[in-house]
Structure formats: C-alpha cells, structure tokens
PDB file of N, CA and C in Angstrom:
ATOM      1  N   MET A   1      52.391  76.241 -23.620  1.00  0.00           N
ATOM      2  CA  MET A   1      52.098  77.775 -23.479  1.00  0.00           C
ATOM      3  C   MET A   1      51.091  78.162 -23.652  1.00  0.00           C
ATOM      4  N   TYR A   2      50.609  79.169 -22.102  1.00  0.00           N
ATOM      5  CA  TYR A   2      49.642  79.630 -22.860  1.00  0.00           C
ATOM      6  C   TYR A   2      49.447  80.852 -23.069  1.00  0.00           C
ATOM      7  N   ASN A   3      48.678  81.907 -23.427  1.00  0.00           N
ATOM      8  CA  ASN A   3      48.844  82.849 -24.627  1.00  0.00           C
ATOM      9  C   ASN A   3      48.143  84.184 -23.097  1.00  0.00           C
ATOM     10  N   HIS A   4      47.918  84.038 -22.172  1.00  0.00           N
ATOM     11  CA  HIS A   4      47.414  84.619 -21.067  1.00  0.00           C
ATOM     12  C   HIS A   4      47.575  84.109 -19.919  1.00  0.00           C
ATOM     13  N   PRO A   5      48.015  84.732 -19.096  1.00  0.00           N
ATOM     14  CA  PRO A   5      47.798  84.093 -17.601  1.00  0.00           C
ATOM     15  C   PRO A   5      46.203  83.487 -17.180  1.00  0.00           C
ATOM     16  N   THR A   6      46.850  82.360 -16.274  1.00  0.00           N
ATOM     17  CA  THR A   6      45.412  81.627 -15.701  1.00  0.00           C
ATOM     18  C   THR A   6      45.685  82.295 -14.343  1.00  0.00           C
ATOM     19  N   LEU A   7      44.273  82.044 -13.591  1.00  0.00           N
ATOM     20  CA  LEU A   7      44.668  81.472 -12.369  1.00  0.00           C
ATOM     21  C   LEU A   7      44.553  80.427 -11.666  1.00  0.00           C
ATOM     22  N   SER A   8      46.308  80.105 -11.042  1.00  0.00           N
ATOM     23  CA  SER A   8      45.948  78.828 -10.644  1.00  0.00           C
ATOM     24  C   SER A   8      46.218  78.005  -9.462  1.00  0.00           C
ATOM     25  N   LEU A   9      45.601  79.030  -8.689  1.00  0.00           N
ATOM     26  CA  LEU A   9      45.988  78.756  -6.936  1.00  0.00           C
ATOM     27  C   LEU A   9      45.210  80.415  -6.425  1.00  0.00           C
ATOM     28  N   MET A  10      44.948  79.534  -5.293  1.00  0.00           N
ATOM     29  CA  MET A  10      44.571  81.605  -4.251  1.00  0.00           C
ATOM     30  C   MET A  10      44.612  80.321  -3.274  1.00  0.00           C
ATOM     31  N   VAL A  11      44.736  80.680  -1.995  1.00  0.00           N
ATOM     32  CA  VAL A  11      45.362  80.686  -0.609  1.00  0.00           C
ATOM     33  C   VAL A  11      44.457  81.957   0.154  1.00  0.00           C
ATOM     34  N   ILE A  12      44.000  82.300   1.224  1.00  0.00           N
ATOM     35  CA  ILE A  12      43.853  82.691   1.983  1.00  0.00           C
ATOM     36  C   ILE A  12      44.218  81.969   3.561  1.00  0.00           C
ATOM     37  N   ARG A  13      44.272  83.032   4.507  1.00  0.00           N
ATOM     38  CA  ARG A  13      44.783  82.798   5.861  1.00  0.00           C
ATOM     39  C   ARG A  13      43.183  83.146   6.339  1.00  0.00           C
ATOM     40  N   VAL A  14      42.881  81.695   7.755  1.00  0.00           N
ATOM     41  CA  VAL A  14      41.726  81.877   7.804  1.00  0.00           C
ATOM     42  C   VAL A  14      42.090  81.864   9.462  1.00  0.00           C
ATOM     43  N   SER A  15      41.316  82.029  10.741  1.00  0.00           N
ATOM     44  CA  SER A  15      40.957  81.889  12.051  1.00  0.00           C
ATOM     45  C   SER A  15      41.394  80.764  12.335  1.00  0.00           C
ATOM     46  N   ASP A  16      40.069  80.231  11.932  1.00  0.00           N
ATOM     47  CA  ASP A  16      39.384  78.633  12.126  1.00  0.00           C
ATOM     48  C   ASP A  16      39.138  78.184  11.109  1.00  0.00           C
ATOM     49  N   ILE A  17      40.279  77.141  10.043  1.00  0.00           N
ATOM     50  CA  ILE A  17      40.208  76.496   9.104  1.00  0.00           C
ATOM     51  C   ILE A  17      38.865  75.799   9.044  1.00  0.00           C
ATOM     52  N   ASP A  18      38.351  74.564   9.925  1.00  0.00           N
ATOM     53  CA  ASP A  18      37.240  74.346   9.863  1.00  0.00           C
ATOM     54  C   ASP A  18      35.335  75.177  10.035  1.00  0.00           C
ATOM     55  N   ARG A  19      35.823  76.435  10.072  1.00  0.00           N
ATOM     56  CA  ARG A  19      34.294  76.892   9.897  1.00  0.00           C
ATOM     57  C   ARG A  19      34.826  77.344   8.608  1.00  0.00           C
ATOM     58  N   SER A  20      35.962  78.333   8.247  1.00  0.00           N
ATOM     59  CA  SER A  20      35.605  78.372   7.146  1.00  0.00           C
ATOM     60  C   SER A  20      35.410  77.679   6.198  1.00  0.00           C
ATOM     61  N   ALA A  21      35.934  76.684   6.481  1.00  0.00           N
ATOM     62  CA  ALA A  21      35.167  75.302   4.997  1.00  0.00           C
ATOM     63  C   ALA A  21      33.814  75.155   4.892  1.00  0.00           C
ATOM     64  N   ALA A  22      33.573  75.448   5.845  1.00  0.00           N
ATOM     65  CA  ALA A  22      32.368  75.039   5.769  1.00  0.00           C
ATOM     66  C   ALA A  22      31.091  76.113   5.536  1.00  0.00           C
ATOM     67  N   PHE A  23      31.835  77.349   5.720  1.00  0.00           N
ATOM     68  CA  PHE A  23      30.986  78.297   5.280  1.00  0.00           C
ATOM     69  C   PHE A  23      31.411  78.779   3.738  1.00  0.00           C
ATOM     70  N   TYR A  24      32.351  78.451   3.005  1.00  0.00           N
ATOM     71  CA  TYR A  24      32.792  77.923   1.533  1.00  0.00           C
ATOM     72  C   TYR A  24      32.041  77.315   0.746  1.00  0.00           C
ATOM     73  N   SER A  25      31.792  75.771   1.503  1.00  0.00           N
ATOM     74  CA  SER A  25      31.093  74.330   1.383  1.00  0.00           C
ATOM     75  C   SER A  25      29.600  75.134   0.917  1.00  0.00           C
ATOM     76  N   ALA A  26      28.942  76.336   1.635  1.00  0.00           N
ATOM     77  CA  ALA A  26      27.430  76.964   0.680  1.00  0.00           C
ATOM     78  C   ALA A  26      27.922  77.258  -0.048  1.00  0.00           C
ATOM     79  N   LEU A  27      29.241  77.396  -1.639  1.00  0.00           N
ATOM     80  CA  LEU A  27      29.533  77.381  -2.764  1.00  0.00           C
ATOM     81  C   LEU A  27      29.344  75.907  -3.430  1.00  0.00           C
ATOM     82  N   GLY A  28      28.919  75.178  -2.797  1.00  0.00           N
ATOM     83  CA  GLY A  28      29.195  73.731  -2.942  1.00  0.00           C
ATOM     84  C   GLY A  28      30.831  73.200  -4.194  1.00  0.00           C
ATOM     85  N   LEU A  29      31.468  74.085  -3.296  1.00  0.00           N
ATOM     86  CA  LEU A  29      32.791  73.505  -2.694  1.00  0.00           C
ATOM     87  C   LEU A  29      33.618  72.514  -2.060  1.00  0.00           C
ATOM     88  N   THR A  30      33.793  70.539  -2.385  1.00  0.00           N
ATOM     89  CA  THR A  30      34.456  69.878  -1.702  1.00  0.00           C
ATOM     90  C   THR A  30      35.789  70.135  -1.324  1.00  0.00           C
ATOM     91  N   PHE A  31      36.034  70.563  -0.257  1.00  0.00           N
ATOM     92  CA  PHE A  31      36.796  70.315   0.553  1.00  0.00           C
ATOM     93  C   PHE A  31      38.648  68.883   1.519  1.00  0.00           C
ATOM     94  N   LYS A  32      39.146  68.840   0.818  1.00  0.00           N
ATOM     95  CA  LYS A  32      39.482  67.963   1.199  1.00  0.00           C
ATOM     96  C   LYS A  32      41.165  68.355   2.073  1.00  0.00           C
ATOM     97  N   ARG A  33      40.904  67.902   3.619  1.00  0.00           N
ATOM     98  CA  ARG A  33      42.427  67.867   4.197  1.00  0.00           C
ATOM     99  C   ARG A  33      43.184  67.634   3.897  1.00  0.00           C
ATOM    100  N   GLU A  34      44.293  68.349   4.098  1.00  0.00           N
ATOM    101  CA  GLU A  34      45.636  68.182   3.274  1.00  0.00           C
ATOM    102  C   GLU A  34      46.857  68.660   4.266  1.00  0.00           C
ATOM    103  N   GLN A  35      48.588  67.770   4.289  1.00  0.00           N
ATOM    104  CA  GLN A  35      49.030  68.333   4.543  1.00  0.00           C
ATOM    105  C   GLN A  35      49.448  67.939   3.978  1.00  0.00           C
ATOM    106  N   HIS A  36      51.438  68.625   3.500  1.00  0.00           N
ATOM    107  CA  HIS A  36      52.586  68.823   3.135  1.00  0.00           C
ATOM    108  C   HIS A  36      53.888  68.617   3.813  1.00  0.00           C
ATOM    109  N   GLY A  37      54.152  67.497   3.725  1.00  0.00           N
ATOM    110  CA  GLY A  37      55.539  67.727   4.745  1.00  0.00           C
ATOM    111  C   GLY A  37      55.121  68.292   6.449  1.00  0.00           C
ATOM    112  N   SER A  38      56.640  69.449   6.670  1.00  0.00           N
ATOM    113  CA  SER A  38      56.055  69.623   8.196  1.00  0.00           C
ATOM    114  C   SER A  38      55.138  71.248   8.022  1.00  0.00           C
ATOM    115  N   GLY A  39      54.584  71.783   7.173  1.00  0.00           N
ATOM    116  CA  GLY A  39      53.859  72.432   7.005  1.00  0.00           C
ATOM    117  C   GLY A  39      52.103  71.863   7.447  1.00  0.00           C
ATOM    118  N   PRO A  40      51.599  73.213   7.169  1.00  0.00           N
ATOM    119  CA  PRO A  40      50.204  73.830   8.812  1.00  0.00           C
ATOM    120  C   PRO A  40      49.164  72.874   7.329  1.00  0.00           C
ATOM    121  N   GLU A  41      48.715  71.844   8.484  1.00  0.00           N
ATOM    122  CA  GLU A  41      47.268  71.010   7.829  1.00  0.00           C
ATOM    123  C   GLU A  41      46.507  72.082   7.114  1.00  0.00           C
ATOM    124  N   HIS A  42      45.906  71.962   6.270  1.00  0.00           N
ATOM    125  CA  HIS A  42      45.021  73.102   5.504  1.00  0.00           C
ATOM    126  C   HIS A  42      43.704  71.906   4.853  1.00  0.00           C
ATOM    127  N   PHE A  43      42.947  72.672   4.301  1.00  0.00           N
ATOM    128  CA  PHE A  43      41.678  72.676   3.664  1.00  0.00           C
ATOM    129  C   PHE A  43      42.339  73.032   1.821  1.00  0.00           C
ATOM    130  N   SER A  44      41.906  72.348   0.787  1.00  0.00           N
ATOM    131  CA  SER A  44      42.054  72.526  -0.408  1.00  0.00           C
ATOM    132  C   SER A  44      41.288  71.740  -1.345  1.00  0.00           C
ATOM    133  N   THR A  45      40.417  72.445  -2.510  1.00  0.00           N
ATOM    134  CA  THR A  45      39.208  72.385  -3.705  1.00  0.00           C
ATOM    135  C   THR A  45      40.212  72.728  -4.835  1.00  0.00           C
ATOM    136  N   TRP A  46      39.585  71.800  -6.086  1.00  0.00           N
ATOM    137  CA  TRP A  46      39.518  72.509  -6.951  1.00  0.00           C
ATOM    138  C   TRP A  46      38.299  72.738  -7.737  1.00  0.00           C
ATOM    139  N   MET A  47      38.536  74.374  -8.724  1.00  0.00           N
ATOM    140  CA  MET A  47      37.927  74.748  -8.778  1.00  0.00           C
ATOM    141  C   MET A  47      38.207  75.088 -10.429  1.00  0.00           C
ATOM    142  N   GLY A  48      37.535  74.447 -11.617  1.00  0.00           N
ATOM    143  CA  GLY A  48      38.273  74.324 -12.372  1.00  0.00           C
ATOM    144  C   GLY A  48      39.829  74.248 -12.281  1.00  0.00           C
ATOM    145  N   GLU A  49      40.976  74.737 -13.190  1.00  0.00           N
ATOM    146  CA  GLU A  49      41.807  74.878 -13.237  1.00  0.00           C
ATOM    147  C   GLU A  49      42.406  76.026 -11.980  1.00  0.00           C
ATOM    148  N   THR A  50      41.573  76.019 -11.120  1.00  0.00           N
ATOM    149  CA  THR A  50      41.940  76.754  -9.673  1.00  0.00           C
ATOM    150  C   THR A  50      42.046  76.232  -8.612  1.00  0.00           C
ATOM    151  N   VAL A  51      43.616  75.917  -7.526  1.00  0.00           N
ATOM    152  CA  VAL A  51      43.520  75.134  -6.538  1.00  0.00           C
ATOM    153  C   VAL A  51      42.668  76.559  -5.817  1.00  0.00           C
ATOM    154  N   PHE A  52      41.872  75.677  -4.972  1.00  0.00           N
ATOM    155  CA  PHE A  52      41.473  77.374  -4.051  1.00  0.00           C
ATOM    156  C   PHE A  52      41.907  76.228  -2.443  1.00  0.00           C
ATOM    157  N   GLU A  53      42.507  77.161  -1.139  1.00  0.00           N
ATOM    158  CA  GLU A  53      42.987  76.475  -0.023  1.00  0.00           C
ATOM    159  C   GLU A  53      42.832  77.773   1.097  1.00  0.00           C
ATOM    160  N   LEU A  54      41.980  76.968   1.864  1.00  0.00           N
ATOM    161  CA  LEU A  54      42.130  77.909   3.202  1.00  0.00           C
ATOM    162  C   LEU A  54      43.733  77.579   3.861  1.00  0.00           C
ATOM    163  N   TYR A  55      44.296  78.559   4.654  1.00  0.00           N
ATOM    164  CA  TYR A  55      44.971  78.030   5.474  1.00  0.00           C
ATOM    165  C   TYR A  55      45.168  78.783   6.844  1.00  0.00           C
ATOM    166  N   PRO A  56      45.706  78.004   7.691  1.00  0.00           N
ATOM    167  CA  PRO A  56      45.471  78.713   9.219  1.00  0.00           C
ATOM    168  C   PRO A  56      46.122  79.949   9.534  1.00  0.00           C
ATOM    169  N   ALA A  57      45.858  80.746   9.841  1.00  0.00           N
ATOM    170  CA  ALA A  57      46.572  82.135  10.339  1.00  0.00           C
ATOM    171  C   ALA A  57      47.432  81.977  11.474  1.00  0.00           C
ATOM    172  N   SER A  58      48.569  83.333  11.213  1.00  0.00           N
ATOM    173  CA  SER A  58      50.494  82.439  11.871  1.00  0.00           C
ATOM    174  C   SER A  58      50.119  83.479  12.150  1.00  0.00           C
ATOM    175  N   GLU A  59      51.206  83.990  13.460  1.00  0.00           N
ATOM    176  CA  GLU A  59      52.183  85.605  13.643  1.00  0.00           C
ATOM    177  C   GLU A  59      52.368  85.669  12.436  1.00  0.00           C
ATOM    178  N   ARG A  60      53.701  84.292  11.663  1.00  0.00           N
ATOM    179  CA  ARG A  60      54.619  84.824  10.302  1.00  0.00           C
ATOM    180  C   ARG A  60      53.352  85.074   8.950  1.00  0.00           C
ATOM    181  N   PHE A  61      51.958  85.011   9.436  1.00  0.00           N
ATOM    182  CA  PHE A  61      51.114  84.979   7.878  1.00  0.00           C
ATOM    183  C   PHE A  61      49.744  85.059   8.597  1.00  0.00           C
ATOM    184  N   PRO A  62      49.903  86.528   9.077  1.00  0.00           N
ATOM    185  CA  PRO A  62      48.288  86.455   9.877  1.00  0.00           C
ATOM    186  C   PRO A  62      46.921  86.163   8.729  1.00  0.00           C
ATOM    187  N   VAL A  63      45.748  86.866   9.364  1.00  0.00           N
ATOM    188  CA  VAL A  63      44.993  86.330   7.997  1.00  0.00           C
ATOM    189  C   VAL A  63      44.694  88.363   7.454  1.00  0.00           C
ATOM    190  N   THR A  64      44.366  88.281   6.138  1.00  0.00           N
ATOM    191  CA  THR A  64      44.709  90.050   5.912  1.00  0.00           C
ATOM    192  C   THR A  64      43.215  89.685   4.837  1.00  0.00           C
ATOM    193  N   THR A  65      43.000  90.921   4.741  1.00  0.00           N
ATOM    194  CA  THR A  65      41.624  90.952   4.029  1.00  0.00           C
ATOM    195  C   THR A  65      42.233  91.069   3.191  1.00  0.00           C
ATOM    196  N   SER A  66      40.587  90.001   2.432  1.00  0.00           N
ATOM    197  CA  SER A  66      40.997  90.190   0.790  1.00  0.00           C
ATOM    198  C   SER A  66      39.842  90.166   0.142  1.00  0.00           C
ATOM    199  N   ARG A  67      39.452  90.058  -1.481  1.00  0.00           N
ATOM    200  CA  ARG A  67      37.995  90.037  -1.929  1.00  0.00           C
ATOM    201  C   ARG A  67      38.135  89.009  -3.056  1.00  0.00           C
ATOM    202  N   ILE A  68      36.981  88.247  -2.552  1.00  0.00           N
ATOM    203  CA  ILE A  68      37.320  87.055  -3.655  1.00  0.00           C
ATOM    204  C   ILE A  68      35.707  87.262  -4.464  1.00  0.00           C
ATOM    205  N   GLY A  69      35.295  86.569  -5.753  1.00  0.00           N
ATOM    206  CA  GLY A  69      34.642  87.055  -6.153  1.00  0.00           C
ATOM    207  C   GLY A  69      34.058  85.298  -7.324  1.00  0.00           C
ATOM    208  N   PHE A  70      33.047  84.935  -6.438  1.00  0.00           N
ATOM    209  CA  PHE A  70      31.977  83.821  -6.860  1.00  0.00           C
ATOM    210  C   PHE A  70      31.018  83.533  -7.746  1.00  0.00           C
ATOM    211  N   LYS A  71      30.630  83.257  -8.797  1.00  0.00           N
ATOM    212  CA  LYS A  71      29.944  83.218  -9.725  1.00  0.00           C
ATOM    213  C   LYS A  71      29.451  81.850  -9.283  1.00  0.00           C
ATOM    214  N   VAL A  72      27.885  81.362  -9.169  1.00  0.00           N
ATOM    215  CA  VAL A  72      27.432  80.897  -8.456  1.00  0.00           C
ATOM    216  C   VAL A  72      25.769  81.088  -9.256  1.00  0.00           C
ATOM    217  N   VAL A  73      25.098  79.819  -8.529  1.00  0.00           N
ATOM    218  CA  VAL A  73      23.433  79.385  -8.915  1.00  0.00           C
ATOM    219  C   VAL A  73      22.469  80.400  -9.213  1.00  0.00           C
ATOM    220  N   SER A  74      22.455  80.985  -7.750  1.00  0.00           N
ATOM    221  CA  SER A  74      21.434  80.801  -6.604  1.00  0.00           C
ATOM    222  C   SER A  74      22.226  81.785  -5.472  1.00  0.00           C
ATOM    223  N   ILE A  75      22.051  83.161  -5.557  1.00  0.00           N
ATOM    224  CA  ILE A  75      22.646  83.829  -4.591  1.00  0.00           C
ATOM    225  C   ILE A  75      21.317  83.260  -3.996  1.00  0.00           C
ATOM    226  N   ALA A  76      20.288  83.823  -3.720  1.00  0.00           N
ATOM    227  CA  ALA A  76      20.011  83.522  -2.350  1.00  0.00           C
ATOM    228  C   ALA A  76      20.010  82.281  -2.335  1.00  0.00           C
ATOM    229  N   ALA A  77      20.175  81.007  -2.431  1.00  0.00           N
ATOM    230  CA  ALA A  77      20.608  79.466  -2.205  1.00  0.00           C
ATOM    231  C   ALA A  77      22.152  80.085  -1.263  1.00  0.00           C
ATOM    232  N   VAL A  78      22.776  81.054  -1.535  1.00  0.00           N
ATOM    233  CA  VAL A  78      23.685  80.818  -1.024  1.00  0.00           C
ATOM    234  C   VAL A  78      23.743  81.900   0.537  1.00  0.00           C
ATOM    235  N   LEU A  79      23.215  82.832   0.190  1.00  0.00           N
ATOM    236  CA  LEU A  79      22.689  83.481   1.779  1.00  0.00           C
ATOM    237  C   LEU A  79      22.102  82.994   2.789  1.00  0.00           C
ATOM    238  N   GLU A  80      21.153  81.882   1.906  1.00  0.00           N
ATOM    239  CA  GLU A  80      20.050  81.009   3.001  1.00  0.00           C
ATOM    240  C   GLU A  80      20.991  80.587   3.872  1.00  0.00           C
ATOM    241  N   VAL A  81      21.847  79.710   3.118  1.00  0.00           N
ATOM    242  CA  VAL A  81      22.885  79.127   4.666  1.00  0.00           C
ATOM    243  C   VAL A  81      23.556  79.836   5.059  1.00  0.00           C
ATOM    244  N   TRP A  82      24.466  80.793   4.519  1.00  0.00           N
ATOM    245  CA  TRP A  82      25.375  81.314   5.039  1.00  0.00           C
ATOM    246  C   TRP A  82      24.467  82.817   6.311  1.00  0.00           C
ATOM    247  N   ARG A  83      23.509  83.571   5.898  1.00  0.00           N
ATOM    248  CA  ARG A  83      22.654  83.768   6.897  1.00  0.00           C
ATOM    249  C   ARG A  83      22.654  83.080   7.804  1.00  0.00           C
ATOM    250  N   GLN A  84      22.411  81.828   8.276  1.00  0.00           N
ATOM    251  CA  GLN A  84      22.103  80.928   8.791  1.00  0.00           C
ATOM    252  C   GLN A  84      23.017  81.311   9.924  1.00  0.00           C
ATOM    253  N   SER A  85      24.191  81.296   9.282  1.00  0.00           N
ATOM    254  CA  SER A  85      25.601  80.823  10.200  1.00  0.00           C
ATOM    255  C   SER A  85      26.417  82.217  10.673  1.00  0.00           C
ATOM    256  N   GLY A  86      25.240  83.355  10.394  1.00  0.00           N
ATOM    257  CA  GLY A  86      25.316  84.503  11.128  1.00  0.00           C
ATOM    258  C   GLY A  86      26.650  85.263  10.534  1.00  0.00           C
ATOM    259  N   CYS A  87      26.178  85.409   8.141  1.00  0.00           N
ATOM    260  CA  CYS A  87      27.231  85.770   7.566  1.00  0.00           C
ATOM    261  C   CYS A  87      27.070  87.575   7.949  1.00  0.00           C
ATOM    262  N   LYS A  88      27.085  87.617   7.265  1.00  0.00           N
ATOM    263  CA  LYS A  88      27.152  90.198   7.625  1.00  0.00           C
ATOM    264  C   LYS A  88      27.450  89.893   6.571  1.00  0.00           C
ATOM    265  N   VAL A  89      26.396  90.234   5.511  1.00  0.00           N
ATOM    266  CA  VAL A  89      26.094  91.225   4.395  1.00  0.00           C
ATOM    267  C   VAL A  89      26.450  92.568   4.032  1.00  0.00           C
ATOM    268  N   ILE A  90      27.492  92.846   3.770  1.00  0.00           N
ATOM    269  CA  ILE A  90      28.052  94.108   3.141  1.00  0.00           C
ATOM    270  C   ILE A  90      26.820  95.206   2.052  1.00  0.00           C
ATOM    271  N   SER A  91      26.621  94.363   1.132  1.00  0.00           N
ATOM    272  CA  SER A  91      25.665  95.201   0.075  1.00  0.00           C
ATOM    273  C   SER A  91      24.273  94.080  -0.458  1.00  0.00           C
ATOM    274  N   ASP A  92      23.427  94.614  -0.348  1.00  0.00           N
ATOM    275  CA  ASP A  92      22.442  93.483  -0.452  1.00  0.00           C
ATOM    276  C   ASP A  92      21.955  92.641  -2.315  1.00  0.00           C
ATOM    277  N   PRO A  93      21.890  92.061  -2.911  1.00  0.00           N
ATOM    278  CA  PRO A  93      21.856  91.544  -4.234  1.00  0.00           C
ATOM    279  C   PRO A  93      20.650  92.507  -4.462  1.00  0.00           C
ATOM    280  N   LYS A  94      21.649  93.100  -5.531  1.00  0.00           N
ATOM    281  CA  LYS A  94      21.032  94.115  -6.397  1.00  0.00           C
ATOM    282  C   LYS A  94      21.503  93.954  -7.930  1.00  0.00           C
ATOM    283  N   GLU A  95      20.733  93.801  -9.324  1.00  0.00           N
ATOM    284  CA  GLU A  95      20.732  93.711  -9.596  1.00  0.00           C
ATOM    285  C   GLU A  95      21.806  95.060 -10.118  1.00  0.00           C
ATOM    286  N   THR A  96      23.186  94.798 -11.393  1.00  0.00           N
ATOM    287  CA  THR A  96      24.346  95.369 -11.876  1.00  0.00           C
ATOM    288  C   THR A  96      23.940  95.046 -13.140  1.00  0.00           C
ATOM    289  N   PRO A  97      25.171  95.758 -14.211  1.00  0.00           N
ATOM    290  CA  PRO A  97      25.521  95.334 -15.695  1.00  0.00           C
ATOM    291  C   PRO A  97      26.079  93.939 -15.694  1.00  0.00           C
ATOM    292  N   TRP A  98      26.534  93.975 -15.027  1.00  0.00           N
ATOM    293  CA  TRP A  98      27.004  92.026 -14.888  1.00  0.00           C
ATOM    294  C   TRP A  98      25.860  91.441 -13.799  1.00  0.00           C
ATOM    295  N   GLY A  99      25.100  91.288 -13.262  1.00  0.00           N
ATOM    296  CA  GLY A  99      23.995  90.468 -13.648  1.00  0.00           C
ATOM    297  C   GLY A  99      23.912  90.633 -11.996  1.00  0.00           C
ATOM    298  N   LEU A 100      23.067  89.962 -11.698  1.00  0.00           N
ATOM    299  CA  LEU A 100      22.676  90.057 -10.054  1.00  0.00           C
ATOM    300  C   LEU A 100      23.804  89.625  -8.769  1.00  0.00           C
ATOM    301  N   ARG A 101      23.749  90.132  -7.635  1.00  0.00           N
ATOM    302  CA  ARG A 101      24.965  90.998  -7.067  1.00  0.00           C
ATOM    303  C   ARG A 101      25.296  90.588  -5.819  1.00  0.00           C
ATOM    304  N   THR A 102      25.727  90.431  -5.101  1.00  0.00           N
ATOM    305  CA  THR A 102      25.569  90.346  -3.831  1.00  0.00           C
ATOM    306  C   THR A 102      27.100  90.761  -2.823  1.00  0.00           C
ATOM    307  N   VAL A 103      27.480  91.861  -1.581  1.00  0.00           N
ATOM    308  CA  VAL A 103      28.768  91.252  -1.317  1.00  0.00           C
ATOM    309  C   VAL A 103      28.405  90.847  -0.122  1.00  0.00           C
ATOM    310  N   VAL A 104      29.813  89.662   1.186  1.00  0.00           N
ATOM    311  CA  VAL A 104      28.678  89.749   2.104  1.00  0.00           C
ATOM    312  C   VAL A 104      30.597  89.254   2.308  1.00  0.00           C
ATOM    313  N   ALA A 105      30.677  89.152   3.870  1.00  0.00           N
ATOM    314  CA  ALA A 105      31.999  89.526   4.779  1.00  0.00           C
ATOM    315  C   ALA A 105      32.446  87.416   5.313  1.00  0.00           C
ATOM    316  N   ASP A 106      33.430  87.141   5.235  1.00  0.00           N
ATOM    317  CA  ASP A 106      33.494  86.211   5.506  1.00  0.00           C
ATOM    318  C   ASP A 106      33.193  85.601   7.314  1.00  0.00           C
ATOM    319  N   PRO A 107      33.738  84.551   7.529  1.00  0.00           N
ATOM    320  CA  PRO A 107      33.649  84.706   9.578  1.00  0.00           C
ATOM    321  C   PRO A 107      34.965  85.520   9.849  1.00  0.00           C
ATOM    322  N   ASP A 108      36.624  85.535   8.463  1.00  0.00           N
ATOM    323  CA  ASP A 108      37.410  86.484   8.827  1.00  0.00           C
ATOM    324  C   ASP A 108      36.867  87.993   8.363  1.00  0.00           C
ATOM    325  N   GLY A 109      36.246  88.347   7.433  1.00  0.00           N
ATOM    326  CA  GLY A 109      36.248  89.866   6.948  1.00  0.00           C
ATOM    327  C   GLY A 109      36.894  89.233   5.610  1.00  0.00           C
ATOM    328  N   HIS A 110      37.017  88.167   5.148  1.00  0.00           N
ATOM    329  CA  HIS A 110      37.208  88.746   3.456  1.00  0.00           C
ATOM    330  C   HIS A 110      36.258  89.210   2.936  1.00  0.00           C
ATOM    331  N   ARG A 111      35.819  90.184   1.737  1.00  0.00           N
ATOM    332  CA  ARG A 111      34.766  90.437   1.286  1.00  0.00           C
ATOM    333  C   ARG A 111      34.750  89.572   0.287  1.00  0.00           C
ATOM    334  N   ILE A 112      33.734  88.606   0.181  1.00  0.00           N
ATOM    335  CA  ILE A 112      32.739  87.590  -1.014  1.00  0.00           C
ATOM    336  C   ILE A 112      31.843  88.680  -2.313  1.00  0.00           C
ATOM    337  N   GLU A 113      31.951  88.277  -2.689  1.00  0.00           N
ATOM    338  CA  GLU A 113      31.203  88.815  -3.908  1.00  0.00           C
ATOM    339  C   GLU A 113      30.838  87.420  -4.608  1.00  0.00           C
ATOM    340  N   LEU A 114      29.093  88.012  -4.745  1.00  0.00           N
ATOM    341  CA  LEU A 114      28.824  87.114  -5.691  1.00  0.00           C
ATOM    342  C   LEU A 114      27.906  87.377  -6.527  1.00  0.00           C
ATOM    343  N   THR A 115      27.603  86.448  -7.890  1.00  0.00           N
ATOM    344  CA  THR A 115      27.691  86.793  -8.590  1.00  0.00           C
ATOM    345  C   THR A 115      26.793  85.905  -9.288  1.00  0.00           C
ATOM    346  N   GLN A 116      24.727  86.176  -9.567  1.00  0.00           N
ATOM    347  CA  GLN A 116      24.750  84.926  -9.596  1.00  0.00           C
ATOM    348  C   GLN A 116      24.558  84.768 -11.740  1.00  0.00           C
ATOM    349  N   ASN A 117      24.367  83.376 -11.752  1.00  0.00           N
ATOM    350  CA  ASN A 117      24.893  83.146 -12.993  1.00  0.00           C
ATOM    351  C   ASN A 117      23.726  83.520 -14.372  1.00  0.00           C
ATOM    352  N   SER A 118      23.204  83.957 -15.915  1.00  0.00           N
ATOM    353  CA  SER A 118      21.995  84.206 -15.722  1.00  0.00           C
ATOM    354  C   SER A 118      21.539  83.043 -15.878  1.00  0.00           C
TER     355      SER A 118
END
C-alpha cells in the first residue's frame, strides 16, 4: 500500500505511432511495439515505475492535447534532435526557479515541458 498516489500509466493518442515513437526516443526512451488481444497496435516503454504508451488516435479516441513534463540530462541535446525533425519550440530554454526549462510541441501538438537535471 502506498502512502501517496504514484503515476503508473500514461497513455497519449497520436496520429502516427511510428513518428511519435521516433520523436520521444530523443529522450532516451526505448519503445516496444505491443498489441493486447484485439486492441490496436501501440508502443510502450517503462519510465521508472510508470508505463508510457503511444496509442493510435481513432474516431472513438481522437488526439487531444496534453502537457507532459520530462526531466532530462541535457535540453540542448534533445532540442538538437527535435529541431532536425521540425519540432515547434513554444518557449526557448530559460532559467526558472525549477531549473533550465523549455516547452515544445510534439508532432500532434501535445505540449512537452523539458526541465534539465541540475
């Protein structure tokens, strides 16, 4: 039993799971292609105790925008890869009370906040 809630699963709907898996791989994530029963093929990866999954959007489950935050070792290294793929930077990296921070849009418009580890 936990004393406080922990995040165990995060699923986002995307228009192209291969493109999104390539995008998020710049964070150092390694995705595994999965399919459970008659459900849709999707990508999955573990981040500590959290499963992060990319599911294809559908009429029943369309792409909806989300904001997701990741702590990374180097914002510059991630942005270098993402900018090559045409990633839209919403706010340039700047120092904040939480450390160096930037916000970008993924291929489906999800807002991705990166904070650099100190």
